[in-house]
Amino acid sequence: MEGIFTGKTIEEAVQAAAQSFGVEENKILYEVLEEPKKGFLGILKSEAKIKAVYNPTKIEIVVDYLKNILKNLDLTCEVTVSEHDDYTLINIEGDDVGAIIGRRGETLDAIQYLVSMVANRDSHDYRRIVLDSGGYREKRKNTLIELATKISNSVLKKGRSSALEPMNPYERRIIHSTVSEIEGVYSRSIGEEPYRKVVIYPVIKKPERPRGERKNYRNSEGPRSLDLKTSFERDYKKPIPDKDIGSGLYGKIDI
């Protein structure tokens, strides 16, 4: 954003620019185009003129966008920002946080998606944005951990898989992380968005042979010899008893 602003002094011109842009004065870059001039008896002859520029940061753009959403929803809330290593947390506080969160956080997730799109449009430097209100994220996380633990114990007890309700990717990651720490179960996501859900399965182990046990080739009649002959040798190379000679196939031969 940029514009030309005037004032009785350069300071007044800068104040006018800051008010127009809706930001603090220290965020304004400006170039003095004309110094104020005074005429006879110190009467102001011409005002100061500046060219002011304001280049908002990515987060400032997001906060302004979010405040505009809240204003259109007729909600009066306070927005604060805290930076972390791999994400930016934007917290919304006020009397109407329930309307911002929505059923199971659906409204909060929808607004978070919108501000994330604004923050990362036309940008090669992706920044993850997390939107929270009234500590909902932490409360929901604890609820999901308890749910994953309860369902996992049920799967272990019954030996049957169990499917959870559809969840967003963030909530599914919490379930998977919790299940991975419980021995005897594992989890997998199935289905397509927005109905993708987590299924928890029991780990089925193959029976193991007791240590030290070896296969026994002996029976009550003594050692068993290994017959390495082929089925052809067993069936067609057997000795022919004398009483069978002259019968069957050989009996049809005329000598």
Protein backbone atom coordinates (compact mmCIF):
# COMPACT_ATOMS: atom_id res chain seq x y z
CA MET A 1 0.00 0.00 0.00
CA GLU A 2 1.21 3.50 -0.79
CA GLY A 3 -0.09 7.05 -1.13
CA ILE A 4 0.66 10.75 -0.98
CA PHE A 5 -0.06 12.51 2.31
CA THR A 6 0.24 16.06 3.56
CA GLY A 7 0.35 17.81 6.90
CA LYS A 8 1.50 20.98 8.61
CA THR A 9 4.62 19.06 9.53
CA ILE A 10 6.26 15.89 8.26
CA GLU A 11 5.20 14.17 11.50
CA GLU A 12 1.56 15.05 10.84
CA ALA A 13 1.85 13.69 7.29
CA VAL A 14 3.24 10.40 8.65
CA GLN A 15 0.40 10.21 11.18
CA ALA A 16 -2.10 10.69 8.38
CA ALA A 17 -0.50 7.84 6.41
CA ALA A 18 -0.53 5.50 9.41
CA GLN A 19 -4.17 6.27 10.10
CA SER A 20 -5.06 5.64 6.47
CA PHE A 21 -3.24 2.31 6.38
CA GLY A 22 -4.53 1.33 9.82
CA VAL A 23 -1.08 0.54 11.21
CA GLU A 24 1.42 2.00 13.65
CA GLU A 25 3.62 4.87 12.52
CA ASN A 26 6.85 2.87 12.89
CA LYS A 27 5.68 0.51 10.14
CA ILE A 28 5.46 3.32 7.59
CA LEU A 29 8.23 3.93 5.06
CA TYR A 30 8.10 7.40 3.55
CA GLU A 31 9.89 9.79 1.26
CA VAL A 32 9.68 13.55 1.79
CA LEU A 33 8.48 15.21 -1.40
CA GLU A 34 8.10 18.73 -0.04
CA GLU A 35 9.15 20.38 3.17
CA PRO A 36 6.60 22.69 4.86
CA LYS A 37 7.14 26.32 3.96
CA LYS A 38 6.34 29.39 6.01
CA GLY A 39 5.67 32.83 4.68
CA PHE A 40 5.56 36.30 6.22
CA LEU A 41 5.24 36.37 10.02
CA GLY A 42 5.62 32.56 10.17
CA ILE A 43 2.33 31.88 8.50
CA LEU A 44 2.29 28.46 6.83
CA LYS A 45 2.62 28.92 3.11
CA SER A 46 2.58 25.26 2.00
CA GLU A 47 2.21 21.94 3.82
CA ALA A 48 4.64 19.07 4.00
CA LYS A 49 4.11 16.33 1.46
CA ILE A 50 5.33 12.72 1.70
CA LYS A 51 5.05 9.52 -0.29
CA ALA A 52 4.24 6.76 2.24
CA VAL A 53 4.52 3.01 1.71
CA TYR A 54 3.37 0.16 3.91
CA ASN A 55 4.42 -3.44 3.13
CA PRO A 56 2.64 -5.74 5.59
CA THR A 57 4.22 -9.02 6.65
CA LYS A 58 2.57 -12.35 5.92
CA ILE A 59 1.21 -12.63 9.47
CA GLU A 60 -0.08 -9.05 9.47
CA ILE A 61 -2.05 -9.83 6.31
CA VAL A 62 -3.46 -12.95 7.96
CA VAL A 63 -4.46 -11.09 11.14
CA ASP A 64 -6.17 -8.34 9.14
CA TYR A 65 -8.03 -10.97 7.12
CA LEU A 66 -9.08 -12.80 10.29
CA LYS A 67 -10.28 -9.61 11.97
CA ASN A 68 -12.37 -8.86 8.90
CA ILE A 69 -14.00 -12.33 9.16
CA LEU A 70 -14.80 -11.77 12.84
CA LYS A 71 -16.21 -8.35 12.05
CA ASN A 72 -18.50 -9.79 9.36
CA LEU A 73 -19.66 -12.41 11.87
CA ASP A 74 -20.48 -9.55 14.25
CA LEU A 75 -18.07 -10.94 16.86
CA THR A 76 -15.95 -8.81 19.15
CA CYS A 77 -12.74 -10.70 19.90
CA GLU A 78 -9.09 -10.10 20.68
CA VAL A 79 -6.50 -11.66 18.37
CA THR A 80 -2.96 -12.45 19.57
CA VAL A 81 -0.06 -14.04 17.68
CA SER A 82 2.82 -16.17 18.97
CA GLU A 83 5.62 -17.57 16.81
CA HIS A 84 6.97 -21.10 17.24
CA ASP A 85 9.69 -23.07 15.47
CA ASP A 86 7.49 -24.81 12.91
CA TYR A 87 4.19 -22.93 13.11
CA THR A 88 2.45 -19.66 13.98
CA LEU A 89 -0.27 -19.79 16.62
CA ILE A 90 -3.11 -17.28 16.33
CA ASN A 91 -5.34 -17.21 19.38
CA ILE A 92 -8.85 -15.73 19.52
CA GLU A 93 -10.33 -14.71 22.86
CA GLY A 94 -13.70 -13.18 23.63
CA ASP A 95 -17.22 -13.79 24.87
CA ASP A 96 -18.35 -15.55 21.70
CA VAL A 97 -15.62 -18.19 21.32
CA GLY A 98 -18.28 -20.92 21.15
CA ALA A 99 -19.52 -19.52 17.85
CA ILE A 100 -15.95 -19.44 16.53
CA ILE A 101 -15.21 -23.04 17.53
CA GLY A 102 -18.45 -24.59 16.26
CA ARG A 103 -19.47 -28.24 16.52
CA ARG A 104 -16.38 -30.33 17.26
CA GLY A 105 -14.20 -27.47 16.06
CA GLU A 106 -15.59 -27.48 12.52
CA THR A 107 -15.95 -23.68 12.30
CA LEU A 108 -12.49 -23.15 13.81
CA ASP A 109 -10.99 -25.61 11.30
CA ALA A 110 -12.74 -23.89 8.39
CA ILE A 111 -11.43 -20.45 9.40
CA GLN A 112 -7.96 -21.91 9.94
CA TYR A 113 -8.01 -23.33 6.42
CA LEU A 114 -8.94 -19.91 4.99
CA VAL A 115 -6.24 -17.97 6.85
CA SER A 116 -3.66 -20.62 5.90
CA MET A 117 -4.56 -20.15 2.24
CA VAL A 118 -4.16 -16.38 2.60
CA ALA A 119 -0.83 -16.74 4.40
CA ASN A 120 0.70 -19.05 1.80
CA ARG A 121 -0.72 -17.82 -1.50
CA ASP A 122 1.97 -16.87 -4.01
CA SER A 123 4.62 -17.80 -1.47
CA HIS A 124 7.51 -20.25 -1.70
CA ASP A 125 8.08 -19.99 2.05
CA TYR A 126 5.28 -22.12 3.47
CA ARG A 127 4.23 -21.33 7.01
CA ARG A 128 1.88 -23.54 9.04
CA ILE A 129 -0.88 -21.57 10.73
CA VAL A 130 -2.69 -22.94 13.80
CA LEU A 131 -5.86 -21.19 14.91
CA ASP A 132 -7.06 -21.66 18.49
CA SER A 133 -9.78 -20.22 20.68
CA GLY A 134 -10.41 -20.63 24.40
CA GLY A 135 -7.79 -23.40 24.66
CA TYR A 136 -9.92 -25.67 22.47
CA ARG A 137 -6.99 -27.37 20.69
CA GLU A 138 -5.38 -28.63 23.89
CA LYS A 139 -8.72 -29.79 25.32
CA ARG A 140 -9.56 -31.65 22.10
CA LYS A 141 -6.10 -33.23 22.02
CA ASN A 142 -6.53 -34.63 25.54
CA THR A 143 -10.00 -35.95 24.62
CA LEU A 144 -8.61 -37.74 21.56
CA ILE A 145 -5.76 -39.29 23.55
CA GLU A 146 -8.25 -40.67 26.07
CA LEU A 147 -10.46 -41.95 23.25
CA ALA A 148 -7.59 -43.68 21.45
CA THR A 149 -6.45 -45.32 24.69
CA LYS A 150 -9.96 -46.52 25.55
CA ILE A 151 -10.63 -47.98 22.08
CA SER A 152 -7.19 -49.63 21.99
CA ASN A 153 -7.84 -51.38 25.31
CA SER A 154 -11.20 -52.57 23.99
CA VAL A 155 -9.55 -53.95 20.84
CA LEU A 156 -6.96 -55.76 22.94
CA LYS A 157 -9.66 -57.29 25.12
CA LYS A 158 -12.05 -58.36 22.35
CA GLY A 159 -9.47 -59.13 19.67
CA ARG A 160 -11.52 -57.28 17.03
CA SER A 161 -10.79 -54.08 15.12
CA SER A 162 -12.73 -50.89 15.86
CA ALA A 163 -13.34 -47.84 13.63
CA LEU A 164 -13.50 -44.28 14.97
CA GLU A 165 -15.61 -41.45 13.61
CA PRO A 166 -14.29 -39.43 10.63
CA MET A 167 -11.66 -36.88 11.65
CA ASN A 168 -9.48 -34.25 10.03
CA PRO A 169 -5.76 -34.97 9.40
CA TYR A 170 -4.65 -33.14 12.56
CA GLU A 171 -6.90 -35.25 14.80
CA ARG A 172 -5.99 -38.49 13.00
CA ARG A 173 -2.31 -37.81 13.69
CA ILE A 174 -3.08 -37.58 17.42
CA ILE A 175 -4.88 -40.94 17.30
CA HIS A 176 -2.05 -42.63 15.37
CA SER A 177 0.57 -41.20 17.72
CA THR A 178 -1.29 -42.47 20.79
CA VAL A 179 -1.95 -45.95 19.37
CA SER A 180 1.71 -46.33 18.34
CA GLU A 181 2.68 -46.24 22.02
CA ILE A 182 0.29 -49.04 23.02
CA GLU A 183 1.64 -52.57 22.62
CA GLY A 184 -0.56 -55.09 20.83
CA VAL A 185 -2.47 -52.72 18.54
CA TYR A 186 -1.84 -50.67 15.43
CA SER A 187 -3.86 -48.12 13.45
CA ARG A 188 -4.55 -47.24 9.84
CA SER A 189 -6.56 -44.51 8.09
CA ILE A 190 -9.15 -45.58 5.54
CA GLY A 191 -11.67 -43.82 3.30
CA GLU A 192 -11.67 -40.52 1.45
CA GLU A 193 -11.91 -36.98 2.81
CA PRO A 194 -13.98 -35.67 4.50
CA TYR A 195 -15.07 -39.12 5.69
CA ARG A 196 -11.56 -40.51 6.24
CA LYS A 197 -11.29 -42.25 9.61
CA VAL A 198 -8.92 -44.27 11.76
CA VAL A 199 -9.33 -48.01 12.37
CA ILE A 200 -7.51 -49.66 15.28
CA TYR A 201 -6.52 -53.32 14.80
CA PRO A 202 -5.19 -55.98 17.16
CA VAL A 203 -1.75 -57.38 16.41
CA ILE A 204 -2.16 -61.11 15.66
CA LYS A 205 0.95 -63.05 16.61
CA LYS A 206 1.83 -66.45 15.11
CA PRO A 207 2.24 -69.23 17.68
CA GLU A 208 5.89 -69.85 18.46
CA ARG A 209 7.46 -73.30 19.00
CA PRO A 210 8.80 -73.68 22.53
CA ARG A 211 12.53 -73.09 22.73
CA GLY A 212 14.59 -76.28 22.57
CA GLU A 213 11.84 -78.35 20.95
CA ARG A 214 12.92 -80.18 17.79
CA LYS A 215 10.90 -82.08 15.27
CA ASN A 216 10.64 -85.77 16.26
CA TYR A 217 11.13 -88.29 13.47
CA ARG A 218 10.74 -91.31 15.74
CA ASN A 219 7.54 -93.18 16.50
CA SER A 220 6.66 -96.10 18.72
CA GLU A 221 7.87 -98.57 16.11
CA GLY A 222 11.41 -97.24 16.01
CA PRO A 223 13.37 -95.00 13.65
CA ARG A 224 11.67 -93.93 10.44
CA SER A 225 13.70 -94.10 7.26
CA LEU A 226 13.43 -91.27 4.80
CA ASP A 227 12.00 -92.29 1.44
CA LEU A 228 13.69 -90.12 -1.18
CA LYS A 229 12.18 -91.92 -4.18
CA THR A 230 9.96 -90.10 -6.60
CA SER A 231 6.29 -90.98 -6.96
CA PHE A 232 7.13 -92.62 -10.32
CA GLU A 233 9.70 -94.90 -8.72
CA ARG A 234 7.36 -95.82 -5.90
CA ASP A 235 4.42 -96.66 -8.16
CA TYR A 236 6.02 -98.26 -11.20
CA LYS A 237 9.28 -99.86 -10.06
CA LYS A 238 7.87 -102.08 -7.35
CA PRO A 239 8.81 -105.82 -7.57
CA ILE A 240 5.97 -107.83 -9.17
CA PRO A 241 4.88 -110.82 -7.03
CA ASP A 242 5.00 -114.23 -8.81
CA LYS A 243 1.30 -114.84 -8.28
CA ASP A 244 0.48 -111.64 -10.20
CA ILE A 245 2.45 -112.62 -13.29
CA GLY A 246 0.15 -113.66 -16.08
CA SER A 247 -2.69 -111.54 -14.82
CA GLY A 248 -3.74 -108.06 -15.70
CA LEU A 249 -1.80 -106.44 -18.53
CA TYR A 250 0.59 -109.38 -18.91
CA GLY A 251 -2.28 -111.86 -19.22
CA LYS A 252 -3.39 -110.24 -22.44
CA ILE A 253 -0.07 -110.94 -24.21
CA ASP A 254 -0.03 -114.01 -26.44
CA ILE A 255 3.35 -115.72 -26.59
